[in-house]
């Protein structure tokens, strides 16, 4: 995958939290600061031809206040990524995963994904000797 950070930028802009970023990660950090309790939007994503599509959750954000939207975005992204990863886990018979990239500096995302995958018997880890971000 690449550019998951752009999803955070889009969600932040749709919720009118940060429409113009002055530095890398600004929109994502401001969006994360609004999270109180992540929630999952049922049917907020779909997987087609091994590609994860989050357009349903992004459309949903158009009618949310910032806190509600941040909670739904984070929870739905965790659930969607877990489903997506599980497809590959089964395909390659692998139950060990390294999470890397700047988006995993986001605590609700990284902790939520690690917990969700653990419940599905996949061990997700964060790097320990190098920074998780790019």
Protein backbone atom coordinates (compact mmCIF):
# COMPACT_ATOMS: atom_id res chain seq x y z
CA UNK A 1 0.00 0.00 0.00
CA UNK A 2 1.06 3.59 -0.27
CA UNK A 3 -0.21 7.00 0.61
CA UNK A 4 -2.54 6.01 3.45
CA UNK A 5 -1.70 9.45 4.81
CA UNK A 6 -3.68 11.00 1.97
CA UNK A 7 -6.78 9.28 3.37
CA UNK A 8 -6.18 11.11 6.65
CA UNK A 9 -5.75 14.37 4.73
CA UNK A 10 -9.01 13.78 2.88
CA UNK A 11 -10.94 12.87 6.05
CA UNK A 12 -9.58 15.91 7.86
CA UNK A 13 -10.59 18.20 5.00
CA UNK A 14 -14.05 16.64 4.62
CA UNK A 15 -14.65 17.25 8.33
CA UNK A 16 -13.34 20.81 7.99
CA UNK A 17 -10.64 20.12 10.58
CA UNK A 18 -7.71 20.99 8.33
CA UNK A 19 -8.29 22.04 4.74
CA UNK A 20 -4.74 23.31 4.10
CA UNK A 21 -1.69 21.62 5.61
CA UNK A 22 1.33 23.70 6.47
CA UNK A 23 3.52 20.69 7.25
CA UNK A 24 3.53 16.92 6.71
CA UNK A 25 1.13 15.12 9.03
CA UNK A 26 -0.66 18.25 10.24
CA UNK A 27 -4.12 17.21 9.01
CA UNK A 28 -3.68 13.66 10.32
CA UNK A 29 -2.56 14.86 13.77
CA UNK A 30 -5.44 17.31 14.05
CA UNK A 31 -7.87 14.56 12.98
CA UNK A 32 -6.37 12.15 15.53
CA UNK A 33 -6.79 14.77 18.28
CA UNK A 34 -10.58 14.61 17.78
CA UNK A 35 -10.81 10.84 18.42
CA UNK A 36 -12.59 9.89 21.65
CA UNK A 37 -13.87 6.39 20.88
CA UNK A 38 -13.34 4.85 17.44
CA UNK A 39 -16.48 3.44 15.82
CA UNK A 40 -17.00 1.29 12.73
CA UNK A 41 -19.35 2.32 9.94
CA UNK A 42 -20.90 -0.90 8.67
CA UNK A 43 -20.40 -1.10 4.90
CA UNK A 44 -17.95 1.79 5.18
CA UNK A 45 -15.52 0.06 2.81
CA UNK A 46 -15.28 -2.73 0.30
CA UNK A 47 -12.55 -4.85 -1.22
CA UNK A 48 -12.58 -5.51 -4.94
CA UNK A 49 -9.78 -7.19 -6.91
CA UNK A 50 -7.60 -7.09 -3.76
CA UNK A 51 -7.97 -3.30 -3.60
CA UNK A 52 -9.36 -1.58 -0.53
CA UNK A 53 -11.92 1.11 -1.30
CA UNK A 54 -12.86 3.58 1.44
CA UNK A 55 -15.15 5.83 -0.57
CA UNK A 56 -18.23 4.88 1.54
CA UNK A 57 -16.68 6.15 4.79
CA UNK A 58 -15.36 9.28 3.08
CA UNK A 59 -18.83 10.03 1.74
CA UNK A 60 -20.31 9.46 5.21
CA UNK A 61 -17.95 12.07 6.69
CA UNK A 62 -19.66 14.80 4.68
CA UNK A 63 -22.55 14.74 7.19
CA UNK A 64 -20.60 14.40 10.45
CA UNK A 65 -19.31 16.79 13.04
CA UNK A 66 -15.52 16.59 13.53
CA UNK A 67 -15.52 14.35 16.63
CA UNK A 68 -18.08 11.89 15.26
CA UNK A 69 -16.28 11.81 11.91
CA UNK A 70 -12.86 11.27 13.47
CA UNK A 71 -14.24 8.37 15.51
CA UNK A 72 -15.93 6.76 12.51
CA UNK A 73 -12.95 7.31 10.22
CA UNK A 74 -10.44 5.74 12.60
CA UNK A 75 -12.63 2.80 13.60
CA UNK A 76 -13.66 2.08 10.04
CA UNK A 77 -10.10 2.34 8.73
CA UNK A 78 -8.95 -0.17 11.36
CA UNK A 79 -11.75 -2.62 10.47
CA UNK A 80 -11.17 -2.18 6.75
CA UNK A 81 -7.41 -2.68 6.97
CA UNK A 82 -7.91 -5.75 9.15
CA UNK A 83 -10.26 -7.28 6.58
CA UNK A 84 -7.87 -6.41 3.77
CA UNK A 85 -4.87 -7.87 5.60
CA UNK A 86 -6.77 -11.06 6.41
CA UNK A 87 -7.27 -11.72 2.69
CA UNK A 88 -3.49 -11.73 2.22
CA UNK A 89 -2.85 -13.59 5.45
CA UNK A 90 -5.00 -16.47 4.22
CA UNK A 91 -3.63 -16.31 0.68
CA UNK A 92 0.01 -16.51 1.81
CA UNK A 93 -0.63 -18.53 4.98
CA UNK A 94 1.18 -15.85 6.99
CA UNK A 95 0.17 -14.79 10.48
CA UNK A 96 2.98 -12.35 11.23
CA UNK A 97 2.93 -8.76 9.99
CA UNK A 98 5.15 -5.70 10.27
CA UNK A 99 3.33 -2.35 10.28
CA UNK A 100 5.35 0.48 8.77
CA UNK A 101 4.74 3.95 7.41
CA UNK A 102 3.95 7.35 8.84
CA UNK A 103 0.28 6.57 9.41
CA UNK A 104 1.28 4.13 12.15
CA UNK A 105 2.45 7.05 14.28
CA UNK A 106 -1.31 7.43 14.77
CA UNK A 107 -2.10 5.70 18.08
CA UNK A 108 -5.79 4.84 17.44
CA UNK A 109 -4.82 3.31 14.10
CA UNK A 110 -1.77 1.33 15.20
CA UNK A 111 -3.19 0.10 18.52
CA UNK A 112 -6.59 -0.63 16.99
CA UNK A 113 -5.12 -2.62 14.11
CA UNK A 114 -2.77 -4.59 16.36
CA UNK A 115 -5.66 -5.51 18.68
CA UNK A 116 -8.09 -6.32 15.87
CA UNK A 117 -5.59 -8.54 14.09
CA UNK A 118 -4.59 -10.26 17.34
CA UNK A 119 -8.23 -11.24 17.81
CA UNK A 120 -7.98 -12.88 14.37
CA UNK A 121 -4.74 -14.67 15.29
CA UNK A 122 -2.44 -12.42 13.27
CA UNK A 123 0.50 -10.89 15.12
CA UNK A 124 1.09 -7.33 13.95
CA UNK A 125 4.27 -5.62 15.11
CA UNK A 126 5.74 -2.15 14.95
CA UNK A 127 9.46 -1.64 14.21
CA UNK A 128 11.60 -1.34 17.32
CA UNK A 129 15.06 -0.47 15.99
CA UNK A 130 14.03 2.06 13.35
CA UNK A 131 11.24 4.66 13.31
CA UNK A 132 7.87 3.43 12.08
CA UNK A 133 7.50 6.42 9.75
CA UNK A 134 9.02 6.66 6.30
